[in-house]
Amino acid sequence: MKDNNRIIAAGNNEGPTAPKDPVEKRSGFFILFETAIEATARAEGRPSQEIYLDGSYLIDKAKYIGGVTDEEMLALLGSWAGFRKLVHSIGVSVKANSGEAAVSFLLQNWGRTSKYETGTRLLVPCPNDGTEMVLRLEDIEWAEEDDIPGKFAFEFSHEGELATASIMFYLNDGYNAPELIAEPPVAYGSKEYRDMIAKSFMHSGNNKRLKSAIDKALRGEDVTIAFIGGSITQGAGAKPIHTECYAYQSYVRFKELFGRDGGENIHYVKAGVGGTPSELGVIRYDRDILRDGAVMPDIVVVEFAVNDEGDETKGNCYESLCLKILSARNQPAVILLFSVFVNDWNLQERLSPVGLHYNLPMVSVKDAVTGQFRLSKAEGNIISKRQFFYDIYHPTNDGHRVMADCLAYLFSETYKSHIDDEDITLDQQPVLGNDFAGTRLLDRKSHTGAVIEAGGFTGTDTELQMVEMDLSPVGTPEFPYNWMHTAASGPDSFKLSITSRNLILVYKDSGSSEFGKAEIFVDGKLAVTADPHENNWTHCNPVILYQNEHSQEHVIEIQMAPEDQDKCFTILGFGYNA
């Protein structure tokens, strides 16, 4: 196979004997503009910050960061041939926080024959002092297999290194882009900003539980505030991820407002997992939030408003998770937080009826920011989409701060209000469903009451989705107690006998070609063919195998698909209701 890796060495330090005539700058637009980046540990290769370009990612970046409105230009970004027609050169600048940091820029194209293996992989050492490095596309030998732009990445020597980066596309003759206009910093503390934050106060709800937690903190007693959600709760887009994420910042606000003795009595639990819905959240709640009984949170912020589009139950798991939390004997407060995507979308219309049904406090970031997004600075814009969003999904540090301020506003307003006399009522019919409220995790470590024959699934997968929990900057593996079929495993199937009302399989999604499909049978009938390339990146994928009104015994059999007998497949675990 042709070698598609291109490594360009850094130039020497000798300057020209005399300055060259200036080269006229081409028209261009930014894909990243003075964006904070952080080196994250990877299963393979150096720590890096990755920026994916496939699907609509690159086009959306051109729209929302570069300000491109020309539909012809945007369409050209959808293929490598079109990209070459539009883009003359790529300007890359990196300003590392540490002058000692060694940084390389990666451009990787997806290939036609094998997506991740046959396209060009261009790795370029670059200056770390903010000097722009320009890559002329005509100077580089590209692979014939190049299909579409796949990803950019900045590689570092050490995990946790920070930098600020910009990527500019300079255009070929005949194409022009609007000039980027620098925006003033967000006016935190201004009346206009405070008014914007106040719009997030979607529903005060019954305040008895939240007010009780605040009073408990003011008395100097221990109070734990916990956060469960998707990648935004994990901290995606925040740099550094563990201290600039909205969860940590809002915990700090709570501690400043109500903590005693320097806030030592206020404790923090964060459990966001990127790319996963409440369907997985209800399975991992006991492990990731309660820490198997070691933690009893007083306040739990639930953030799945942009992750639950893929929830098979259309809100049943979301309401079940809320009920699971609310039913704890210490009566924790639940706050529903509705984050937002760059296209002004979230699922609060689907999910807010749960909050209204149980009279829960609700905070909508969408309600706070989307109206002013449509205004110019002269018309009253407080924070632009370019300032708020790191990419089309995740907030920047500024965006995370806005989210934290929205929660802090709820805390402050609740503190000023009179406590409600009665608690919320849980003993009522659900609005979307409560079938999964009693969900437990079943994995290799905890499978009491189930009979398991691992068959050919005897391995343990260690290349797992990594999640920065609590205040740790280092990832923790999700579902480490798993069952893995490898290429060397035998053909024997995995068998599970269990008595339950419903069962959710959690399997590993992967971008590796070494992984293949598995067939899942329930009581001898094919229920699901699980494809680990459905999303093509390493993360946890839940799927419902059955859902019954009453508990009964079932036999689950998992075997590799006939065409993938020599491939890998990882069963991460199961969620079940007895």
Protein backbone atom coordinates (compact mmCIF):
# COMPACT_ATOMS: atom_id res chain seq x y z
CA MET A 1 0.00 0.00 0.00
CA LYS A 2 1.19 3.47 -0.78
CA ASP A 3 2.55 5.35 2.25
CA ASN A 4 0.15 8.24 2.82
CA ASN A 5 1.97 9.76 5.80
CA ARG A 6 3.70 13.03 5.07
CA ILE A 7 6.04 14.51 7.67
CA ILE A 8 7.45 17.94 6.94
CA ALA A 9 10.54 18.89 8.94
CA ALA A 10 10.87 22.25 10.61
CA GLY A 11 13.02 24.73 8.76
CA ASN A 12 16.47 25.83 9.90
CA ASN A 13 17.05 29.01 11.83
CA GLU A 14 19.04 30.83 9.16
CA GLY A 15 17.24 33.88 7.82
CA PRO A 16 17.45 35.24 4.25
CA THR A 17 20.32 37.53 3.36
CA ALA A 18 17.85 40.34 2.67
CA PRO A 19 14.12 40.83 3.22
CA LYS A 20 11.89 39.58 0.43
CA ASP A 21 9.25 41.76 -1.17
CA PRO A 22 5.96 41.42 0.74
CA VAL A 23 3.50 38.90 -0.63
CA GLU A 24 -0.01 40.27 -0.90
CA LYS A 25 -2.33 38.49 1.50
CA ARG A 26 -5.04 36.43 -0.11
CA SER A 27 -8.66 36.63 0.94
CA GLY A 28 -9.47 34.01 3.56
CA PHE A 29 -11.53 32.99 6.54
CA PHE A 30 -10.84 31.46 9.95
CA ILE A 31 -11.75 27.93 10.98
CA LEU A 32 -10.30 28.58 14.43
CA PHE A 33 -9.75 32.08 15.75
CA GLU A 34 -7.61 32.57 18.85
CA THR A 35 -9.13 29.42 20.31
CA ALA A 36 -7.92 27.80 23.53
CA ILE A 37 -6.66 24.25 22.99
CA GLU A 38 -5.52 21.55 25.42
CA ALA A 39 -3.45 18.39 24.98
CA THR A 40 -5.62 15.40 25.89
CA ALA A 41 -4.23 11.89 26.31
CA ARG A 42 -5.06 9.50 23.43
CA ALA A 43 -5.18 5.71 23.32
CA GLU A 44 -2.64 5.92 20.49
CA GLY A 45 -0.14 8.67 19.68
CA ARG A 46 0.81 11.89 21.40
CA PRO A 47 -1.54 13.99 23.55
CA SER A 48 -3.53 16.24 21.24
CA GLN A 49 -6.44 18.59 20.59
CA GLU A 50 -8.52 17.16 17.74
CA ILE A 51 -10.86 19.12 15.44
CA TYR A 52 -13.07 16.91 13.28
CA LEU A 53 -14.09 18.19 9.86
CA ASP A 54 -16.33 15.51 8.31
CA GLY A 55 -20.12 15.61 8.09
CA SER A 56 -21.19 19.24 8.50
CA TYR A 57 -18.41 20.14 10.94
CA LEU A 58 -16.15 22.01 8.51
CA ILE A 59 -19.02 23.77 6.76
CA ASP A 60 -20.48 24.88 10.08
CA LYS A 61 -17.10 26.21 11.20
CA ALA A 62 -16.83 28.18 7.96
CA LYS A 63 -20.30 29.63 8.62
CA TYR A 64 -20.17 30.41 12.30
CA ILE A 65 -16.49 31.17 12.81
CA GLY A 66 -15.44 32.34 9.36
CA GLY A 67 -18.64 34.20 8.53
CA VAL A 68 -18.91 32.55 5.09
CA THR A 69 -22.37 32.83 3.53
CA ASP A 70 -21.60 31.94 -0.10
CA GLU A 71 -23.35 28.60 -0.69
CA GLU A 72 -21.01 27.64 -3.55
CA MET A 73 -17.95 28.07 -1.35
CA LEU A 74 -19.56 26.13 1.49
CA ALA A 75 -20.48 23.26 -0.83
CA LEU A 76 -16.86 22.98 -2.05
CA LEU A 77 -15.75 22.17 1.51
CA GLY A 78 -17.71 18.90 1.37
CA SER A 79 -15.12 17.05 -0.73
CA TRP A 80 -11.33 17.04 -1.06
CA ALA A 81 -11.58 17.93 -4.74
CA GLY A 82 -13.76 20.91 -3.88
CA PHE A 83 -11.47 21.87 -1.01
CA ARG A 84 -8.49 22.00 -3.39
CA LYS A 85 -10.50 24.13 -5.81
CA LEU A 86 -11.35 26.63 -3.07
CA VAL A 87 -8.35 26.68 -0.73
CA HIS A 88 -4.92 27.89 -1.83
CA SER A 89 -3.11 27.54 1.50
CA ILE A 90 -3.65 26.99 5.21
CA GLY A 91 -2.29 29.38 7.80
CA VAL A 92 -1.63 27.90 11.24
CA SER A 93 -0.52 29.80 14.34
CA VAL A 94 -0.04 28.44 17.85
CA LYS A 95 0.87 30.39 20.99
CA ALA A 96 1.77 27.86 23.68
CA ASN A 97 1.38 28.77 27.34
CA SER A 98 4.78 27.21 27.93
CA GLY A 99 7.69 28.33 25.79
CA GLU A 100 9.11 24.81 26.06
CA ALA A 101 6.10 23.08 24.46
CA ALA A 102 6.77 21.22 21.21
CA VAL A 103 3.73 21.46 18.93
CA SER A 104 2.92 19.78 15.63
CA PHE A 105 -0.04 20.41 13.33
CA LEU A 106 -1.82 17.43 11.78
CA LEU A 107 -4.06 17.39 8.73
CA GLN A 108 -5.67 14.03 7.97
CA ASN A 109 -7.95 13.25 5.05
CA TRP A 110 -10.38 10.35 5.08
CA GLY A 111 -9.68 7.87 2.29
CA ARG A 112 -12.07 6.34 -0.23
CA THR A 113 -11.02 2.69 0.18
CA SER A 114 -10.43 2.72 3.95
CA LYS A 115 -11.68 5.83 5.71
CA TYR A 116 -8.98 6.14 8.37
CA GLU A 117 -6.06 4.48 6.61
CA THR A 118 -5.74 5.43 2.93
CA GLY A 119 -6.01 9.24 3.04
CA THR A 120 -3.08 11.63 3.46
CA ARG A 121 -1.82 12.19 6.99
CA LEU A 122 0.25 15.37 7.03
CA LEU A 123 2.20 16.14 10.23
CA VAL A 124 4.04 19.45 10.46
CA PRO A 125 6.16 20.77 13.36
CA CYS A 126 5.18 24.38 13.89
CA PRO A 127 6.36 27.40 15.90
CA ASN A 128 4.91 27.73 19.39
CA ASP A 129 5.25 31.51 19.70
CA GLY A 130 2.23 32.58 17.63
CA THR A 131 4.15 32.94 14.35
CA GLU A 132 1.93 31.94 11.42
CA MET A 133 3.06 28.94 9.39
CA VAL A 134 1.55 28.80 5.88
CA LEU A 135 1.10 25.47 4.06
CA ARG A 136 0.61 25.88 0.31
CA LEU A 137 -1.48 22.96 -0.90
CA GLU A 138 0.31 22.83 -4.27
CA ASP A 139 3.62 22.17 -2.50
CA ILE A 140 2.38 18.95 -0.88
CA GLU A 141 2.09 15.49 -2.42
CA TRP A 142 -1.46 14.33 -1.74
CA ALA A 143 -2.71 10.74 -1.88
CA GLU A 144 -4.94 9.72 -4.78
CA GLU A 145 -7.19 8.12 -2.16
CA ASP A 146 -8.08 11.46 -0.51
CA ASP A 147 -11.87 11.73 -0.30
CA ILE A 148 -12.85 14.40 2.22
CA PRO A 149 -11.08 16.52 4.85
CA GLY A 150 -11.15 14.37 7.99
CA LYS A 151 -9.61 16.21 10.90
CA PHE A 152 -7.07 18.71 12.13
CA ALA A 153 -5.12 18.14 15.33
CA PHE A 154 -2.47 19.85 17.41
CA GLU A 155 -0.07 17.34 18.96
CA PHE A 156 1.95 18.07 22.09
CA SER A 157 4.61 16.26 24.08
CA HIS A 158 2.71 16.22 27.37
CA GLU A 159 -0.91 15.85 28.47
CA GLY A 160 -2.48 19.02 29.84
CA GLU A 161 -0.36 21.51 27.87
CA LEU A 162 -2.33 24.61 26.86
CA ALA A 163 -2.13 26.94 23.89
CA THR A 164 -4.12 29.38 21.77
CA ALA A 165 -4.50 28.49 18.09
CA SER A 166 -5.85 29.94 14.86
CA ILE A 167 -6.39 28.24 11.48
CA MET A 168 -7.00 30.36 8.39
CA PHE A 169 -7.99 29.14 4.92
CA TYR A 170 -6.48 31.39 2.25
CA LEU A 171 -8.50 31.20 -0.97
CA ASN A 172 -7.64 30.68 -4.61
CA ASP A 173 -8.15 33.52 -7.07
CA GLY A 174 -11.80 34.16 -7.82
CA TYR A 175 -13.03 33.48 -4.28
CA ASN A 176 -13.47 36.03 -1.54
CA ALA A 177 -14.55 35.84 2.10
CA PRO A 178 -15.78 38.55 4.48
CA GLU A 179 -13.12 40.08 6.68
CA LEU A 180 -13.28 38.96 10.31
CA ILE A 181 -14.18 41.83 12.60
CA ALA A 182 -12.64 41.60 16.05
CA GLU A 183 -15.26 41.63 18.78
CA PRO A 184 -14.99 43.37 22.14
CA PRO A 185 -14.70 41.11 25.20
CA VAL A 186 -17.91 39.99 26.84
CA ALA A 187 -19.02 42.68 29.30
CA TYR A 188 -19.43 40.47 32.37
CA GLY A 189 -21.04 42.36 35.20
CA SER A 190 -22.84 44.85 32.98
CA LYS A 191 -26.58 45.42 33.40
CA GLU A 192 -27.13 44.05 29.90
CA TYR A 193 -25.25 40.87 30.75
CA ARG A 194 -27.18 40.43 33.99
CA ASP A 195 -30.45 40.92 32.13
CA MET A 196 -29.42 38.22 29.64
CA ILE A 197 -28.59 35.78 32.44
CA ALA A 198 -31.95 36.45 34.12
CA LYS A 199 -33.73 35.13 31.02
CA SER A 200 -32.34 31.68 31.80
CA PHE A 201 -34.60 31.45 34.88
CA MET A 202 -37.10 29.20 33.12
CA HIS A 203 -38.97 27.82 36.14
CA SER A 204 -38.36 28.34 39.85
CA GLY A 205 -40.17 25.14 40.76
CA ASN A 206 -40.75 23.90 44.27
CA ASN A 207 -37.76 25.28 46.17
CA LYS A 208 -37.99 23.20 49.36
CA ARG A 209 -35.16 20.82 48.49
CA LEU A 210 -32.80 23.38 46.95
CA LYS A 211 -33.52 25.93 49.70
CA SER A 212 -32.87 23.22 52.34
CA ALA A 213 -29.50 22.42 50.74
CA ILE A 214 -28.57 26.11 50.76
CA ASP A 215 -29.57 26.48 54.42
CA LYS A 216 -27.59 23.35 55.25
CA ALA A 217 -24.51 24.87 53.61
CA LEU A 218 -24.98 28.16 55.48
CA ARG A 219 -25.02 26.23 58.77
CA GLY A 220 -21.59 24.86 57.90
CA GLU A 221 -22.82 21.32 57.26
CA ASP A 222 -21.44 19.25 54.38
CA VAL A 223 -23.26 19.74 51.07
CA THR A 224 -22.49 17.91 47.82
CA ILE A 225 -23.46 19.32 44.42
CA ALA A 226 -23.30 16.83 41.54
CA PHE A 227 -23.56 17.10 37.77
CA ILE A 228 -24.58 14.41 35.28
CA GLY A 229 -24.87 14.87 31.53
CA GLY A 230 -23.06 14.62 28.21
CA SER A 231 -19.90 16.15 26.81
CA ILE A 232 -20.81 19.71 27.87
CA THR A 233 -20.98 18.51 31.48
CA GLN A 234 -17.73 16.60 30.92
CA GLY A 235 -16.29 20.02 30.03
CA ALA A 236 -15.78 19.81 26.26
CA GLY A 237 -14.62 23.13 24.86
CA ALA A 238 -13.36 24.38 28.23
CA LYS A 239 -9.60 24.85 28.56
CA PRO A 240 -8.42 23.58 31.00
CA ILE A 241 -11.34 21.18 30.99
CA HIS A 242 -11.41 20.52 34.73
CA THR A 243 -11.43 24.11 36.01
CA GLU A 244 -13.09 26.13 33.22
CA CYS A 245 -16.11 23.84 32.65
CA TYR A 246 -19.52 25.15 33.70
CA ALA A 247 -19.91 22.42 36.32
CA TYR A 248 -16.81 23.40 38.28
CA GLN A 249 -17.46 27.12 37.86
CA SER A 250 -21.04 26.84 39.16
CA TYR A 251 -19.81 24.71 42.06
CA VAL A 252 -17.36 27.52 42.86
CA ARG A 253 -20.20 30.08 42.67
CA PHE A 254 -22.28 27.97 45.10
CA LYS A 255 -19.30 27.67 47.43
CA GLU A 256 -18.66 31.42 47.33
CA LEU A 257 -22.31 32.22 48.00
CA PHE A 258 -23.09 29.71 50.71
CA GLY A 259 -19.95 27.91 51.86
CA ARG A 260 -18.41 28.26 55.30
CA ASP A 261 -14.76 28.08 56.43
CA GLY A 262 -13.53 28.88 52.94
CA GLY A 263 -16.08 26.56 51.37
CA GLU A 264 -14.55 23.40 52.79
CA ASN A 265 -18.04 22.09 53.54
CA ILE A 266 -19.10 22.16 49.85
CA HIS A 267 -18.20 19.08 47.81
CA TYR A 268 -18.18 18.45 44.05
CA VAL A 269 -19.05 15.47 41.86
CA LYS A 270 -18.90 15.69 38.06
CA ALA A 271 -19.93 12.83 35.77
CA GLY A 272 -20.41 13.96 32.19
CA VAL A 273 -19.78 11.43 29.40
CA GLY A 274 -19.48 12.74 25.85
CA GLY A 275 -21.86 11.54 23.15
CA THR A 276 -24.19 9.69 25.54
CA PRO A 277 -27.89 10.19 26.44
CA SER A 278 -29.89 9.80 29.65
CA GLU A 279 -30.43 6.20 28.49
CA LEU A 280 -26.84 5.62 29.61
CA GLY A 281 -27.04 8.14 32.46
CA VAL A 282 -29.72 6.13 34.26
CA ILE A 283 -27.47 3.04 34.08
CA ARG A 284 -24.32 4.69 35.43
CA TYR A 285 -25.90 7.03 38.01
CA ASP A 286 -25.26 4.73 40.99
CA ARG A 287 -21.64 4.21 39.95
CA ASP A 288 -20.66 7.66 38.67
CA ILE A 289 -22.64 9.94 41.01
CA LEU A 290 -23.43 7.89 44.12
CA ARG A 291 -20.07 6.09 43.86
CA ASP A 292 -21.85 2.87 44.82
CA GLY A 293 -23.25 4.34 48.03
CA ALA A 294 -20.25 6.40 49.16
CA VAL A 295 -21.82 9.74 48.10
CA MET A 296 -25.26 11.21 48.85
CA PRO A 297 -25.61 14.41 46.80
CA ASP A 298 -27.80 17.23 48.06
CA ILE A 299 -28.16 18.86 44.61
CA VAL A 300 -27.98 17.14 41.23
CA VAL A 301 -27.85 19.12 37.97
CA VAL A 302 -29.15 17.04 35.04
CA GLU A 303 -27.93 18.15 31.58
CA PHE A 304 -29.09 16.00 28.65
CA ALA A 305 -30.99 18.59 26.59
CA VAL A 306 -28.67 18.24 23.58
CA ASN A 307 -27.78 14.56 23.99
CA ASP A 308 -31.19 12.89 24.12
CA GLU A 309 -32.14 13.11 20.46
CA GLY A 310 -30.77 9.56 20.19
CA ASP A 311 -32.63 8.33 23.28
CA GLU A 312 -34.74 5.41 22.05
CA THR A 313 -37.34 6.03 24.76
CA LYS A 314 -38.01 9.68 23.77
CA GLY A 315 -37.91 10.91 27.35
CA ASN A 316 -38.82 7.80 29.36
CA CYS A 317 -35.19 7.35 30.44
CA TYR A 318 -34.87 11.08 31.20
CA GLU A 319 -37.89 11.09 33.51
CA SER A 320 -36.75 7.76 34.99
CA LEU A 321 -33.34 9.27 35.81
CA CYS A 322 -34.97 12.27 37.49
CA LEU A 323 -37.20 9.96 39.56
CA LYS A 324 -34.23 7.77 40.45
CA ILE A 325 -32.45 10.82 41.87
CA LEU A 326 -35.52 12.37 43.55
CA SER A 327 -36.49 9.11 45.27
CA ALA A 328 -33.30 8.92 47.36
CA ARG A 329 -33.92 8.91 51.10
CA ASN A 330 -32.00 12.16 51.64
CA GLN A 331 -34.38 13.99 49.23
CA PRO A 332 -31.87 15.72 46.93
CA ALA A 333 -32.83 18.69 44.79
CA VAL A 334 -32.84 18.16 41.02
CA ILE A 335 -32.13 21.06 38.65
CA LEU A 336 -32.86 20.58 34.96
CA LEU A 337 -30.32 22.42 32.80
CA PHE A 338 -31.03 22.99 29.10
CA SER A 339 -27.86 23.73 27.11
CA VAL A 340 -27.95 24.66 23.40
CA PHE A 341 -26.23 23.98 20.06
CA VAL A 342 -24.95 26.61 17.65
CA ASN A 343 -28.12 26.24 15.51
CA ASP A 344 -30.22 27.36 18.54
CA TRP A 345 -31.52 23.81 19.03
CA ASN A 346 -32.16 21.74 22.12
CA LEU A 347 -34.81 19.36 23.46
CA GLN A 348 -36.33 21.51 26.19
CA GLU A 349 -39.79 21.33 24.60
CA ARG A 350 -39.67 17.54 24.94
CA LEU A 351 -38.02 17.41 28.36
CA SER A 352 -39.35 20.46 30.24
CA PRO A 353 -42.77 18.79 30.81
CA VAL A 354 -40.90 16.51 33.24
CA GLY A 355 -39.78 19.56 35.21
CA LEU A 356 -43.27 21.06 35.17
CA HIS A 357 -44.84 17.74 36.19
CA TYR A 358 -42.68 17.44 39.33
CA ASN A 359 -42.29 21.21 39.79
CA LEU A 360 -38.50 21.17 39.48
CA PRO A 361 -36.21 24.21 39.06
CA MET A 362 -35.27 24.62 35.38
CA VAL A 363 -32.53 26.72 33.79
CA SER A 364 -32.44 27.36 30.03
CA VAL A 365 -29.21 28.58 28.47
CA LYS A 366 -31.10 28.61 25.18
CA ASP A 367 -33.62 31.15 26.51
CA ALA A 368 -30.78 33.34 27.77
CA VAL A 369 -28.58 33.58 24.69
CA THR A 370 -30.39 32.76 21.44
CA GLY A 371 -32.43 35.95 21.20
CA GLN A 372 -29.41 38.22 21.50
CA PHE A 373 -27.42 36.03 19.07
CA ARG A 374 -29.53 37.54 16.29
CA LEU A 375 -28.54 41.10 17.20
CA SER A 376 -25.53 43.10 16.12
CA LYS A 377 -23.32 44.69 18.77
CA ALA A 378 -25.03 48.02 18.02
CA GLU A 379 -28.43 46.40 18.52
CA GLY A 380 -27.50 44.90 21.88
CA ASN A 381 -25.61 41.66 21.29
CA ILE A 382 -23.84 40.64 24.52
CA ILE A 383 -22.00 37.51 23.37
CA SER A 384 -21.76 36.29 19.77
CA LYS A 385 -21.93 32.69 18.61
CA ARG A 386 -18.23 32.90 17.77
CA GLN A 387 -17.53 33.88 21.36
CA PHE A 388 -19.94 31.40 22.95
CA PHE A 389 -19.26 28.24 20.92
CA TYR A 390 -16.01 26.33 20.66
CA ASP A 391 -17.52 24.29 17.83
CA ILE A 392 -21.09 23.65 16.70
CA TYR A 393 -21.83 21.71 19.90
CA HIS A 394 -19.67 22.84 22.80
CA PRO A 395 -19.14 26.14 24.61
CA THR A 396 -15.89 28.06 24.83
CA ASN A 397 -14.59 29.20 28.20
CA ASP A 398 -16.88 32.22 27.77
CA GLY A 399 -19.81 29.92 27.01
CA HIS A 400 -19.13 27.74 30.03
CA ARG A 401 -19.00 30.88 32.18
CA VAL A 402 -22.41 31.96 30.88
CA MET A 403 -23.81 28.54 31.81
CA ALA A 404 -22.33 28.78 35.30
CA ASP A 405 -23.74 32.28 35.76
CA CYS A 406 -27.19 31.00 34.74
CA LEU A 407 -27.04 28.35 37.49
CA ALA A 408 -25.67 30.89 39.98
CA TYR A 409 -28.65 33.13 39.22
CA LEU A 410 -30.98 30.27 40.17
CA PHE A 411 -29.02 29.71 43.40
CA SER A 412 -29.22 33.40 44.29
CA GLU A 413 -32.93 33.75 43.50
CA THR A 414 -33.73 30.62 45.48
CA TYR A 415 -31.79 31.93 48.47
CA LYS A 416 -33.83 35.17 48.43
CA SER A 417 -37.18 33.36 48.24
CA HIS A 418 -39.32 31.93 51.04
CA ILE A 419 -39.10 28.17 51.45
CA ASP A 420 -42.08 26.18 50.19
CA ASP A 421 -44.07 24.45 52.91
CA GLU A 422 -44.57 21.11 51.15
CA ASP A 423 -42.16 18.90 49.22
CA ILE A 424 -42.79 17.80 45.64
CA THR A 425 -45.08 14.83 44.99
CA LEU A 426 -43.51 11.78 43.35
CA ASP A 427 -46.44 9.40 43.77
CA GLN A 428 -48.20 10.26 40.49
CA GLN A 429 -48.44 9.00 36.95
CA PRO A 430 -45.36 9.85 34.84
CA VAL A 431 -45.61 12.33 32.01
CA LEU A 432 -43.16 10.55 29.66
CA GLY A 433 -42.45 7.30 31.48
CA ASN A 434 -40.79 5.77 34.55
CA ASP A 435 -39.96 2.28 33.27
CA PHE A 436 -36.21 2.66 33.90
CA ALA A 437 -36.19 4.37 37.31
CA GLY A 438 -34.89 1.26 39.06
CA THR A 439 -32.12 0.55 36.56
CA ARG A 440 -29.00 -1.19 37.87
CA LEU A 441 -25.63 -1.75 36.25
CA LEU A 442 -24.54 -5.27 35.37
CA ASP A 443 -20.91 -5.72 34.35
CA ARG A 444 -18.03 -8.11 34.93
CA LYS A 445 -17.62 -6.76 38.48
CA SER A 446 -21.27 -6.70 39.50
CA HIS A 447 -23.63 -9.36 38.11
CA THR A 448 -25.46 -10.77 41.13
CA GLY A 449 -28.55 -12.74 40.15
CA ALA A 450 -27.45 -13.29 36.55
CA VAL A 451 -25.90 -16.39 34.99
CA ILE A 452 -23.13 -15.63 32.49
CA GLU A 453 -21.14 -17.81 30.12
CA ALA A 454 -18.52 -15.58 28.52
CA GLY A 455 -17.73 -17.95 25.64
CA GLY A 456 -15.35 -16.22 23.23
CA PHE A 457 -15.79 -12.88 25.04
CA THR A 458 -13.12 -13.52 27.69
CA GLY A 459 -10.86 -10.54 27.04
CA THR A 460 -10.92 -7.16 28.80
CA ASP A 461 -10.83 -4.03 26.65
CA THR A 462 -8.59 -1.29 28.05
CA GLU A 463 -8.89 1.18 25.16
CA LEU A 464 -12.06 2.83 26.44
CA GLN A 465 -13.77 6.18 26.40
CA MET A 466 -11.91 8.38 28.87
CA VAL A 467 -13.78 10.91 31.00
CA GLU A 468 -12.45 13.67 33.26
CA MET A 469 -14.37 13.03 36.49
CA ASP A 470 -14.78 15.56 39.30
CA LEU A 471 -11.76 17.90 39.43
CA SER A 472 -9.35 15.52 37.73
CA PRO A 473 -7.68 16.73 34.49
CA VAL A 474 -6.93 13.09 33.63
CA GLY A 475 -9.45 10.77 32.02
CA THR A 476 -11.03 7.82 33.84
CA PRO A 477 -12.01 4.79 31.70
CA GLU A 478 -15.75 4.21 31.36
CA PHE A 479 -16.92 0.60 31.90
CA PRO A 480 -13.55 -1.04 32.62
CA TYR A 481 -15.18 -4.30 33.78
CA ASN A 482 -16.19 -5.49 30.33
CA TRP A 483 -16.20 -8.58 28.11
CA MET A 484 -14.22 -8.39 24.87
CA HIS A 485 -14.11 -10.65 21.83
CA THR A 486 -10.77 -10.38 20.01
CA ALA A 487 -9.56 -11.58 16.63
CA ALA A 488 -7.92 -14.54 18.39
CA SER A 489 -11.03 -15.48 20.39
CA GLY A 490 -13.00 -18.59 19.61
CA PRO A 491 -16.42 -18.61 17.93
CA ASP A 492 -18.37 -19.39 21.12
CA SER A 493 -21.09 -16.86 21.92
CA PHE A 494 -21.63 -14.85 25.10
CA LYS A 495 -24.71 -16.00 27.04
CA LEU A 496 -26.61 -14.16 29.76
CA SER A 497 -29.59 -15.54 31.68
CA ILE A 498 -31.43 -12.87 33.66
CA THR A 499 -34.85 -12.15 35.14
CA SER A 500 -35.84 -8.53 34.51
CA ARG A 501 -38.50 -6.22 33.08
CA ASN A 502 -36.14 -4.56 30.63
CA LEU A 503 -32.54 -4.78 29.51
CA ILE A 504 -30.19 -2.29 27.90
CA LEU A 505 -26.95 -3.44 26.29
CA VAL A 506 -24.01 -1.03 26.42
CA TYR A 507 -21.34 -1.78 23.81
CA LYS A 508 -18.23 0.00 22.63
CA ASP A 509 -18.34 2.16 19.54
CA SER A 510 -14.97 2.40 17.78
CA GLY A 511 -13.25 3.97 14.81
CA SER A 512 -10.88 1.02 14.49
CA SER A 513 -11.22 -1.33 11.51
CA GLU A 514 -10.35 -4.18 13.90
CA PHE A 515 -13.88 -4.00 15.33
CA GLY A 516 -16.84 -5.70 13.70
CA LYS A 517 -20.58 -6.25 14.12
CA ALA A 518 -22.21 -8.60 16.61
CA GLU A 519 -25.63 -10.21 16.51
CA ILE A 520 -27.71 -10.11 19.70
CA PHE A 521 -30.42 -12.72 20.20
CA VAL A 522 -33.16 -12.55 22.85
CA ASP A 523 -34.71 -15.94 23.60
CA GLY A 524 -33.39 -17.29 20.32
CA LYS A 525 -34.66 -14.43 18.11
CA LEU A 526 -32.37 -11.85 16.53
CA ALA A 527 -33.10 -8.54 18.30
CA VAL A 528 -30.26 -6.25 17.20
CA THR A 529 -27.18 -6.29 15.01
CA ALA A 530 -24.82 -4.00 16.91
CA ASP A 531 -22.46 -2.05 14.65
CA PRO A 532 -19.49 -0.52 16.51
CA HIS A 533 -18.94 1.87 13.58
CA GLU A 534 -22.28 3.57 13.96
CA ASN A 535 -20.54 6.71 15.28
CA ASN A 536 -16.92 5.72 14.52
CA TRP A 537 -15.26 7.01 17.67
CA THR A 538 -14.50 5.35 20.95
CA HIS A 539 -17.50 5.81 23.20
CA CYS A 540 -20.33 4.00 24.98
CA ASN A 541 -23.39 3.04 22.95
CA PRO A 542 -26.62 1.91 24.72
CA VAL A 543 -29.39 -0.04 22.96
CA ILE A 544 -32.60 -1.50 24.41
CA LEU A 545 -32.87 -5.26 23.94
CA TYR A 546 -36.33 -5.63 25.46
CA GLN A 547 -38.87 -3.69 27.51
CA ASN A 548 -41.71 -5.55 29.28
CA GLU A 549 -44.43 -4.61 31.72
CA HIS A 550 -43.57 -7.49 34.04
CA SER A 551 -40.31 -9.15 35.03
CA GLN A 552 -39.54 -12.50 33.45
CA GLU A 553 -36.55 -14.67 32.61
CA HIS A 554 -34.74 -14.13 29.32
CA VAL A 555 -31.69 -15.62 27.67
CA ILE A 556 -29.40 -13.24 25.76
CA GLU A 557 -26.87 -14.59 23.28
CA ILE A 558 -24.26 -12.41 21.61
CA GLN A 559 -22.13 -13.69 18.75
CA MET A 560 -19.98 -12.13 16.08
CA ALA A 561 -21.69 -11.54 12.75
CA PRO A 562 -20.74 -14.25 10.19
CA GLU A 563 -18.60 -11.85 8.15
CA ASP A 564 -16.81 -10.49 11.26
CA GLN A 565 -15.74 -13.66 13.10
CA ASP A 566 -12.12 -12.46 13.16
CA LYS A 567 -13.00 -9.00 14.51
CA CYS A 568 -13.25 -7.44 17.95
CA PHE A 569 -16.40 -6.49 19.84
CA THR A 570 -16.69 -5.22 23.41
CA ILE A 571 -19.70 -5.70 25.69
CA LEU A 572 -19.26 -2.84 28.18
CA GLY A 573 -22.16 -3.83 30.40
CA PHE A 574 -25.93 -3.93 30.79
CA GLY A 575 -28.62 -1.92 32.51
CA TYR A 576 -31.60 -3.81 33.91
CA ASN A 577 -34.71 -3.43 36.05
CA ALA A 578 -35.43 -6.49 38.16
